[in-house]
Amino acid sequence: MMSFELVIDLARGAMMLAVQLAGPLLLVALVVGLIVSLIQAITQIQEQTMPFVAKLAAVGIAFLIVLNWMLQTAVRYTVELFRSLPSLVM
């Protein structure tokens, strides 16, 4: 039977993995959003699609750049989780 500490530890590990995988893409979206907002404030252009398109393009490019690392991290976590399954059941 699994203890509460073990369940909490597994949940914490999964949440940390999610933060690690989503963090770089969210950071890129934040930085691009700030830059585009600054440019819009300076030029007084209030086009609503400009930030969306800029963020979409930047996050897409960042995703392609970090995709290999994201896959390796997710696979490493999954392999470690599967390898620890026999000890988790006991």
PDB file of N, CA and C in Angstrom:
ATOM      1  N   MET A   1       0.843  -1.184   0.000  1.00  0.00           N
ATOM      2  CA  MET A   1       0.000   0.000   0.000  1.00  0.00           C
ATOM      3  C   MET A   1       0.883   1.240   0.000  1.00  0.00           C
ATOM      4  N   MET A   2       0.489   2.204  -0.812  1.00  0.00           N
ATOM      5  CA  MET A   2       1.276   3.424  -0.940  1.00  0.00           C
ATOM      6  C   MET A   2       0.955   4.375   0.221  1.00  0.00           C
ATOM      7  N   SER A   3       1.993   4.988   0.760  1.00  0.00           N
ATOM      8  CA  SER A   3       1.794   5.934   1.851  1.00  0.00           C
ATOM      9  C   SER A   3       1.467   7.310   1.283  1.00  0.00           C
ATOM     10  N   PHE A   4       0.943   8.153   2.157  1.00  0.00           N
ATOM     11  CA  PHE A   4       0.602   9.513   1.742  1.00  0.00           C
ATOM     12  C   PHE A   4       1.847  10.289   1.333  1.00  0.00           C
ATOM     13  N   GLU A   5       2.945  10.056   2.012  1.00  0.00           N
ATOM     14  CA  GLU A   5       4.187  10.749   1.688  1.00  0.00           C
ATOM     15  C   GLU A   5       4.672  10.391   0.286  1.00  0.00           C
ATOM     16  N   LEU A   6       4.524   9.113  -0.057  1.00  0.00           N
ATOM     17  CA  LEU A   6       4.939   8.665  -1.382  1.00  0.00           C
ATOM     18  C   LEU A   6       4.066   9.288  -2.469  1.00  0.00           C
ATOM     19  N   VAL A   7       2.762   9.333  -2.232  1.00  0.00           N
ATOM     20  CA  VAL A   7       1.845   9.938  -3.203  1.00  0.00           C
ATOM     21  C   VAL A   7       2.154  11.420  -3.361  1.00  0.00           C
ATOM     22  N   ILE A   8       2.400  12.102  -2.258  1.00  0.00           N
ATOM     23  CA  ILE A   8       2.726  13.528  -2.313  1.00  0.00           C
ATOM     24  C   ILE A   8       4.045  13.744  -3.032  1.00  0.00           C
ATOM     25  N   ASP A   9       5.012  12.875  -2.795  1.00  0.00           N
ATOM     26  CA  ASP A   9       6.300  12.990  -3.464  1.00  0.00           C
ATOM     27  C   ASP A   9       6.169  12.774  -4.973  1.00  0.00           C
ATOM     28  N   LEU A  10       5.370  11.794  -5.362  1.00  0.00           N
ATOM     29  CA  LEU A  10       5.142  11.554  -6.799  1.00  0.00           C
ATOM     30  C   LEU A  10       4.411  12.729  -7.442  1.00  0.00           C
ATOM     31  N   ALA A  11       3.427  13.270  -6.756  1.00  0.00           N
ATOM     32  CA  ALA A  11       2.693  14.420  -7.288  1.00  0.00           C
ATOM     33  C   ALA A  11       3.603  15.645  -7.392  1.00  0.00           C
ATOM     34  N   ARG A  12       4.444  15.835  -6.377  1.00  0.00           N
ATOM     35  CA  ARG A  12       5.387  16.960  -6.401  1.00  0.00           C
ATOM     36  C   ARG A  12       6.348  16.822  -7.582  1.00  0.00           C
ATOM     37  N   GLY A  13       6.842  15.616  -7.800  1.00  0.00           N
ATOM     38  CA  GLY A  13       7.749  15.391  -8.925  1.00  0.00           C
ATOM     39  C   GLY A  13       7.084  15.657 -10.265  1.00  0.00           C
ATOM     40  N   ALA A  14       5.825  15.235 -10.397  1.00  0.00           N
ATOM     41  CA  ALA A  14       5.102  15.477 -11.653  1.00  0.00           C
ATOM     42  C   ALA A  14       4.855  16.964 -11.862  1.00  0.00           C
ATOM     43  N   MET A  15       4.516  17.670 -10.789  1.00  0.00           N
ATOM     44  CA  MET A  15       4.287  19.116 -10.925  1.00  0.00           C
ATOM     45  C   MET A  15       5.579  19.866 -11.233  1.00  0.00           C
ATOM     46  N   MET A  16       6.677  19.443 -10.629  1.00  0.00           N
ATOM     47  CA  MET A  16       7.958  20.076 -10.923  1.00  0.00           C
ATOM     48  C   MET A  16       8.364  19.830 -12.374  1.00  0.00           C
ATOM     49  N   LEU A  17       8.079  18.635 -12.876  1.00  0.00           N
ATOM     50  CA  LEU A  17       8.360  18.345 -14.282  1.00  0.00           C
ATOM     51  C   LEU A  17       7.527  19.249 -15.184  1.00  0.00           C
ATOM     52  N   ALA A  18       6.252  19.432 -14.857  1.00  0.00           N
ATOM     53  CA  ALA A  18       5.389  20.302 -15.656  1.00  0.00           C
ATOM     54  C   ALA A  18       5.903  21.734 -15.655  1.00  0.00           C
ATOM     55  N   VAL A  19       6.368  22.211 -14.510  1.00  0.00           N
ATOM     56  CA  VAL A  19       6.909  23.570 -14.423  1.00  0.00           C
ATOM     57  C   VAL A  19       8.196  23.678 -15.237  1.00  0.00           C
ATOM     58  N   GLN A  20       9.044  22.658 -15.142  1.00  0.00           N
ATOM     59  CA  GLN A  20      10.294  22.673 -15.910  1.00  0.00           C
ATOM     60  C   GLN A  20      10.026  22.693 -17.412  1.00  0.00           C
ATOM     61  N   LEU A  21       9.027  21.928 -17.858  1.00  0.00           N
ATOM     62  CA  LEU A  21       8.756  21.844 -19.288  1.00  0.00           C
ATOM     63  C   LEU A  21       8.044  23.090 -19.810  1.00  0.00           C
ATOM     64  N   ALA A  22       7.150  23.659 -19.010  1.00  0.00           N
ATOM     65  CA  ALA A  22       6.386  24.817 -19.469  1.00  0.00           C
ATOM     66  C   ALA A  22       7.119  26.130 -19.223  1.00  0.00           C
ATOM     67  N   GLY A  23       8.043  26.146 -18.273  1.00  0.00           N
ATOM     68  CA  GLY A  23       8.720  27.379 -17.893  1.00  0.00           C
ATOM     69  C   GLY A  23       9.385  28.144 -19.026  1.00  0.00           C
ATOM     70  N   PRO A  24      10.238  27.510 -19.817  1.00  0.00           N
ATOM     71  CA  PRO A  24      10.905  28.266 -20.889  1.00  0.00           C
ATOM     72  C   PRO A  24       9.931  28.873 -21.898  1.00  0.00           C
ATOM     73  N   LEU A  25       8.889  28.138 -22.241  1.00  0.00           N
ATOM     74  CA  LEU A  25       7.924  28.671 -23.213  1.00  0.00           C
ATOM     75  C   LEU A  25       7.125  29.820 -22.615  1.00  0.00           C
ATOM     76  N   LEU A  26       6.743  29.703 -21.355  1.00  0.00           N
ATOM     77  CA  LEU A  26       6.015  30.790 -20.697  1.00  0.00           C
ATOM     78  C   LEU A  26       6.896  32.019 -20.532  1.00  0.00           C
ATOM     79  N   LEU A  27       8.171  31.807 -20.246  1.00  0.00           N
ATOM     80  CA  LEU A  27       9.095  32.921 -20.114  1.00  0.00           C
ATOM     81  C   LEU A  27       9.261  33.657 -21.444  1.00  0.00           C
ATOM     82  N   VAL A  28       9.357  32.919 -22.535  1.00  0.00           N
ATOM     83  CA  VAL A  28       9.456  33.536 -23.864  1.00  0.00           C
ATOM     84  C   VAL A  28       8.193  34.343 -24.162  1.00  0.00           C
ATOM     85  N   ALA A  29       7.025  33.781 -23.855  1.00  0.00           N
ATOM     86  CA  ALA A  29       5.774  34.497 -24.097  1.00  0.00           C
ATOM     87  C   ALA A  29       5.702  35.767 -23.253  1.00  0.00           C
ATOM     88  N   LEU A  30       6.178  35.704 -22.018  1.00  0.00           N
ATOM     89  CA  LEU A  30       6.168  36.873 -21.145  1.00  0.00           C
ATOM     90  C   LEU A  30       7.077  37.975 -21.679  1.00  0.00           C
ATOM     91  N   VAL A  31       8.292  37.608 -22.049  1.00  0.00           N
ATOM     92  CA  VAL A  31       9.251  38.600 -22.541  1.00  0.00           C
ATOM     93  C   VAL A  31       8.761  39.231 -23.845  1.00  0.00           C
ATOM     94  N   VAL A  32       8.281  38.408 -24.762  1.00  0.00           N
ATOM     95  CA  VAL A  32       7.787  38.938 -26.037  1.00  0.00           C
ATOM     96  C   VAL A  32       6.557  39.817 -25.809  1.00  0.00           C
ATOM     97  N   GLY A  33       5.684  39.405 -24.907  1.00  0.00           N
ATOM     98  CA  GLY A  33       4.510  40.219 -24.597  1.00  0.00           C
ATOM     99  C   GLY A  33       4.890  41.577 -24.033  1.00  0.00           C
ATOM    100  N   LEU A  34       5.874  41.605 -23.144  1.00  0.00           N
ATOM    101  CA  LEU A  34       6.334  42.883 -22.590  1.00  0.00           C
ATOM    102  C   LEU A  34       6.959  43.774 -23.652  1.00  0.00           C
ATOM    103  N   ILE A  35       7.776  43.179 -24.504  1.00  0.00           N
ATOM    104  CA  ILE A  35       8.422  43.962 -25.565  1.00  0.00           C
ATOM    105  C   ILE A  35       7.385  44.526 -26.525  1.00  0.00           C
ATOM    106  N   VAL A  36       6.436  43.705 -26.940  1.00  0.00           N
ATOM    107  CA  VAL A  36       5.399  44.170 -27.868  1.00  0.00           C
ATOM    108  C   VAL A  36       4.542  45.239 -27.201  1.00  0.00           C
ATOM    109  N   SER A  37       4.212  45.073 -25.933  1.00  0.00           N
ATOM    110  CA  SER A  37       3.426  46.085 -25.228  1.00  0.00           C
ATOM    111  C   SER A  37       4.186  47.392 -25.125  1.00  0.00           C
ATOM    112  N   LEU A  38       5.478  47.310 -24.884  1.00  0.00           N
ATOM    113  CA  LEU A  38       6.306  48.519 -24.828  1.00  0.00           C
ATOM    114  C   LEU A  38       6.333  49.215 -26.183  1.00  0.00           C
ATOM    115  N   ILE A  39       6.501  48.440 -27.241  1.00  0.00           N
ATOM    116  CA  ILE A  39       6.496  49.016 -28.593  1.00  0.00           C
ATOM    117  C   ILE A  39       5.142  49.642 -28.901  1.00  0.00           C
ATOM    118  N   GLN A  40       4.059  48.980 -28.504  1.00  0.00           N
ATOM    119  CA  GLN A  40       2.729  49.536 -28.736  1.00  0.00           C
ATOM    120  C   GLN A  40       2.522  50.825 -27.949  1.00  0.00           C
ATOM    121  N   ALA A  41       3.035  50.883 -26.738  1.00  0.00           N
ATOM    122  CA  ALA A  41       2.885  52.094 -25.934  1.00  0.00           C
ATOM    123  C   ALA A  41       3.696  53.250 -26.517  1.00  0.00           C
ATOM    124  N   ILE A  42       4.882  52.941 -27.022  1.00  0.00           N
ATOM    125  CA  ILE A  42       5.731  53.994 -27.591  1.00  0.00           C
ATOM    126  C   ILE A  42       5.142  54.517 -28.894  1.00  0.00           C
ATOM    127  N   THR A  43       4.695  53.624 -29.757  1.00  0.00           N
ATOM    128  CA  THR A  43       4.188  54.029 -31.076  1.00  0.00           C
ATOM    129  C   THR A  43       2.702  54.334 -31.075  1.00  0.00           C
ATOM    130  N   GLN A  44       2.022  54.046 -29.982  1.00  0.00           N
ATOM    131  CA  GLN A  44       0.582  54.248 -29.834  1.00  0.00           C
ATOM    132  C   GLN A  44      -0.226  53.468 -30.869  1.00  0.00           C
ATOM    133  N   ILE A  45       0.308  52.325 -31.263  1.00  0.00           N
ATOM    134  CA  ILE A  45      -0.425  51.415 -32.147  1.00  0.00           C
ATOM    135  C   ILE A  45      -1.185  50.456 -31.248  1.00  0.00           C
ATOM    136  N   GLN A  46      -2.493  50.414 -31.374  1.00  0.00           N
ATOM    137  CA  GLN A  46      -3.308  49.592 -30.485  1.00  0.00           C
ATOM    138  C   GLN A  46      -3.930  48.407 -31.234  1.00  0.00           C
ATOM    139  N   GLU A  47      -3.151  47.792 -32.075  1.00  0.00           N
ATOM    140  CA  GLU A  47      -3.614  46.621 -32.820  1.00  0.00           C
ATOM    141  C   GLU A  47      -3.657  45.420 -31.887  1.00  0.00           C
ATOM    142  N   GLN A  48      -4.790  44.736 -31.820  1.00  0.00           N
ATOM    143  CA  GLN A  48      -4.965  43.637 -30.871  1.00  0.00           C
ATOM    144  C   GLN A  48      -4.304  42.340 -31.332  1.00  0.00           C
ATOM    145  N   THR A  49      -4.122  42.158 -32.611  1.00  0.00           N
ATOM    146  CA  THR A  49      -3.553  40.898 -33.096  1.00  0.00           C
ATOM    147  C   THR A  49      -2.031  40.882 -33.058  1.00  0.00           C
ATOM    148  N   MET A  50      -1.416  42.040 -32.970  1.00  0.00           N
ATOM    149  CA  MET A  50       0.047  42.109 -32.989  1.00  0.00           C
ATOM    150  C   MET A  50       0.683  41.329 -31.827  1.00  0.00           C
ATOM    151  N   PRO A  51       0.244  41.501 -30.569  1.00  0.00           N
ATOM    152  CA  PRO A  51       0.863  40.713 -29.500  1.00  0.00           C
ATOM    153  C   PRO A  51       0.610  39.212 -29.649  1.00  0.00           C
ATOM    154  N   PHE A  52      -0.573  38.860 -30.112  1.00  0.00           N
ATOM    155  CA  PHE A  52      -0.898  37.442 -30.268  1.00  0.00           C
ATOM    156  C   PHE A  52      -0.004  36.788 -31.304  1.00  0.00           C
ATOM    157  N   VAL A  53       0.147  37.410 -32.447  1.00  0.00           N
ATOM    158  CA  VAL A  53       0.961  36.841 -33.527  1.00  0.00           C
ATOM    159  C   VAL A  53       2.431  36.789 -33.110  1.00  0.00           C
ATOM    160  N   ALA A  54       2.908  37.844 -32.458  1.00  0.00           N
ATOM    161  CA  ALA A  54       4.308  37.867 -32.027  1.00  0.00           C
ATOM    162  C   ALA A  54       4.576  36.768 -30.998  1.00  0.00           C
ATOM    163  N   LYS A  55       3.681  36.617 -30.016  1.00  0.00           N
ATOM    164  CA  LYS A  55       3.859  35.568 -29.009  1.00  0.00           C
ATOM    165  C   LYS A  55       3.767  34.184 -29.632  1.00  0.00           C
ATOM    166  N   LEU A  56       2.820  34.009 -30.539  1.00  0.00           N
ATOM    167  CA  LEU A  56       2.657  32.713 -31.197  1.00  0.00           C
ATOM    168  C   LEU A  56       3.913  32.334 -31.971  1.00  0.00           C
ATOM    169  N   ALA A  57       4.469  33.272 -32.711  1.00  0.00           N
ATOM    170  CA  ALA A  57       5.683  32.998 -33.475  1.00  0.00           C
ATOM    171  C   ALA A  57       6.868  32.726 -32.552  1.00  0.00           C
ATOM    172  N   ALA A  58       7.025  33.534 -31.512  1.00  0.00           N
ATOM    173  CA  ALA A  58       8.158  33.373 -30.600  1.00  0.00           C
ATOM    174  C   ALA A  58       8.071  32.060 -29.828  1.00  0.00           C
ATOM    175  N   VAL A  59       6.893  31.720 -29.349  1.00  0.00           N
ATOM    176  CA  VAL A  59       6.732  30.464 -28.610  1.00  0.00           C
ATOM    177  C   VAL A  59       6.924  29.279 -29.549  1.00  0.00           C
ATOM    178  N   GLY A  60       6.468  29.386 -30.782  1.00  0.00           N
ATOM    179  CA  GLY A  60       6.684  28.315 -31.759  1.00  0.00           C
ATOM    180  C   GLY A  60       8.153  28.086 -32.037  1.00  0.00           C
ATOM    181  N   ILE A  61       8.902  29.162 -32.195  1.00  0.00           N
ATOM    182  CA  ILE A  61      10.343  29.046 -32.438  1.00  0.00           C
ATOM    183  C   ILE A  61      11.045  28.491 -31.202  1.00  0.00           C
ATOM    184  N   ALA A  62      10.670  28.996 -30.026  1.00  0.00           N
ATOM    185  CA  ALA A  62      11.269  28.500 -28.784  1.00  0.00           C
ATOM    186  C   ALA A  62      10.950  27.019 -28.590  1.00  0.00           C
ATOM    187  N   PHE A  63       9.735  26.631 -28.931  1.00  0.00           N
ATOM    188  CA  PHE A  63       9.348  25.226 -28.806  1.00  0.00           C
ATOM    189  C   PHE A  63      10.220  24.337 -29.688  1.00  0.00           C
ATOM    190  N   LEU A  64      10.465  24.775 -30.908  1.00  0.00           N
ATOM    191  CA  LEU A  64      11.324  23.989 -31.798  1.00  0.00           C
ATOM    192  C   LEU A  64      12.751  23.911 -31.275  1.00  0.00           C
ATOM    193  N   ILE A  65      13.213  24.980 -30.614  1.00  0.00           N
ATOM    194  CA  ILE A  65      14.572  25.001 -30.094  1.00  0.00           C
ATOM    195  C   ILE A  65      14.713  24.069 -28.893  1.00  0.00           C
ATOM    196  N   VAL A  66      13.733  24.090 -27.980  1.00  0.00           N
ATOM    197  CA  VAL A  66      13.857  23.308 -26.746  1.00  0.00           C
ATOM    198  C   VAL A  66      13.131  21.965 -26.800  1.00  0.00           C
ATOM    199  N   LEU A  67      12.603  21.600 -27.946  1.00  0.00           N
ATOM    200  CA  LEU A  67      11.845  20.352 -28.060  1.00  0.00           C
ATOM    201  C   LEU A  67      12.679  19.136 -27.682  1.00  0.00           C
ATOM    202  N   ASN A  68      13.908  19.070 -28.150  1.00  0.00           N
ATOM    203  CA  ASN A  68      14.768  17.924 -27.847  1.00  0.00           C
ATOM    204  C   ASN A  68      14.979  17.804 -26.334  1.00  0.00           C
ATOM    205  N   TRP A  69      15.285  18.914 -25.676  1.00  0.00           N
ATOM    206  CA  TRP A  69      15.487  18.898 -24.228  1.00  0.00           C
ATOM    207  C   TRP A  69      14.209  18.508 -23.496  1.00  0.00           C
ATOM    208  N   MET A  70      13.067  19.026 -23.950  1.00  0.00           N
ATOM    209  CA  MET A  70      11.793  18.703 -23.305  1.00  0.00           C
ATOM    210  C   MET A  70      11.494  17.206 -23.411  1.00  0.00           C
ATOM    211  N   LEU A  71      11.713  16.632 -24.578  1.00  0.00           N
ATOM    212  CA  LEU A  71      11.466  15.202 -24.769  1.00  0.00           C
ATOM    213  C   LEU A  71      12.408  14.362 -23.922  1.00  0.00           C
ATOM    214  N   GLN A  72      13.676  14.737 -23.877  1.00  0.00           N
ATOM    215  CA  GLN A  72      14.633  13.990 -23.060  1.00  0.00           C
ATOM    216  C   GLN A  72      14.259  14.049 -21.586  1.00  0.00           C
ATOM    217  N   THR A  73      13.837  15.215 -21.113  1.00  0.00           N
ATOM    218  CA  THR A  73      13.455  15.364 -19.708  1.00  0.00           C
ATOM    219  C   THR A  73      12.223  14.540 -19.383  1.00  0.00           C
ATOM    220  N   ALA A  74      11.222  14.586 -20.247  1.00  0.00           N
ATOM    221  CA  ALA A  74       9.994  13.825 -20.009  1.00  0.00           C
ATOM    222  C   ALA A  74      10.256  12.318 -20.061  1.00  0.00           C
ATOM    223  N   VAL A  75      11.066  11.884 -21.010  1.00  0.00           N
ATOM    224  CA  VAL A  75      11.378  10.457 -21.122  1.00  0.00           C
ATOM    225  C   VAL A  75      12.193   9.997 -19.915  1.00  0.00           C
ATOM    226  N   ARG A  76      13.152  10.812 -19.473  1.00  0.00           N
ATOM    227  CA  ARG A  76      13.956  10.456 -18.301  1.00  0.00           C
ATOM    228  C   ARG A  76      13.070  10.303 -17.068  1.00  0.00           C
ATOM    229  N   TYR A  77      12.146  11.221 -16.868  1.00  0.00           N
ATOM    230  CA  TYR A  77      11.236  11.137 -15.718  1.00  0.00           C
ATOM    231  C   TYR A  77      10.364   9.886 -15.811  1.00  0.00           C
ATOM    232  N   THR A  78       9.841   9.604 -16.993  1.00  0.00           N
ATOM    233  CA  THR A  78       8.977   8.447 -17.175  1.00  0.00           C
ATOM    234  C   THR A  78       9.735   7.139 -16.955  1.00  0.00           C
ATOM    235  N   VAL A  79      10.944   7.057 -17.473  1.00  0.00           N
ATOM    236  CA  VAL A  79      11.749   5.849 -17.286  1.00  0.00           C
ATOM    237  C   VAL A  79      12.054   5.642 -15.807  1.00  0.00           C
ATOM    238  N   GLU A  80      12.418   6.720 -15.100  1.00  0.00           N
ATOM    239  CA  GLU A  80      12.691   6.600 -13.666  1.00  0.00           C
ATOM    240  C   GLU A  80      11.437   6.182 -12.902  1.00  0.00           C
ATOM    241  N   LEU A  81      10.300   6.699 -13.305  1.00  0.00           N
ATOM    242  CA  LEU A  81       9.049   6.339 -12.642  1.00  0.00           C
ATOM    243  C   LEU A  81       8.721   4.870 -12.882  1.00  0.00           C
ATOM    244  N   PHE A  82       8.860   4.398 -14.113  1.00  0.00           N
ATOM    245  CA  PHE A  82       8.590   2.999 -14.411  1.00  0.00           C
ATOM    246  C   PHE A  82       9.569   2.059 -13.721  1.00  0.00           C
ATOM    247  N   ARG A  83      10.837   2.482 -13.625  1.00  0.00           N
ATOM    248  CA  ARG A  83      11.823   1.645 -12.944  1.00  0.00           C
ATOM    249  C   ARG A  83      11.530   1.552 -11.442  1.00  0.00           C
ATOM    250  N   SER A  84      10.934   2.566 -10.886  1.00  0.00           N
ATOM    251  CA  SER A  84      10.648   2.558  -9.444  1.00  0.00           C
ATOM    252  C   SER A  84       9.295   1.917  -9.122  1.00  0.00           C
ATOM    253  N   LEU A  85       8.533   1.510 -10.128  1.00  0.00           N
ATOM    254  CA  LEU A  85       7.222   0.904  -9.879  1.00  0.00           C
ATOM    255  C   LEU A  85       7.268  -0.334  -8.971  1.00  0.00           C
ATOM    256  N   PRO A  86       8.191  -1.267  -9.197  1.00  0.00           N
ATOM    257  CA  PRO A  86       8.203  -2.437  -8.303  1.00  0.00           C
ATOM    258  C   PRO A  86       8.403  -2.061  -6.823  1.00  0.00           C
ATOM    259  N   SER A  87       9.221  -1.077  -6.558  1.00  0.00           N
ATOM    260  CA  SER A  87       9.429  -0.679  -5.163  1.00  0.00           C
ATOM    261  C   SER A  87       8.252   0.129  -4.622  1.00  0.00           C
ATOM    262  N   LEU A  88       7.469   0.742  -5.513  1.00  0.00           N
ATOM    263  CA  LEU A  88       6.310   1.519  -5.065  1.00  0.00           C
ATOM    264  C   LEU A  88       5.152   0.625  -4.669  1.00  0.00           C
ATOM    265  N   VAL A  89       5.039  -0.531  -5.325  1.00  0.00           N
ATOM    266  CA  VAL A  89       3.921  -1.435  -5.069  1.00  0.00           C
ATOM    267  C   VAL A  89       4.085  -2.127  -3.726  1.00  0.00           C
ATOM    268  N   MET A  90       5.275  -2.477  -3.372  1.00  0.00           N
ATOM    269  CA  MET A  90       5.528  -3.199  -2.122  1.00  0.00           C
ATOM    270  C   MET A  90       5.277  -2.345  -0.922  1.00  0.00           C
TER     271      MET A  90
END
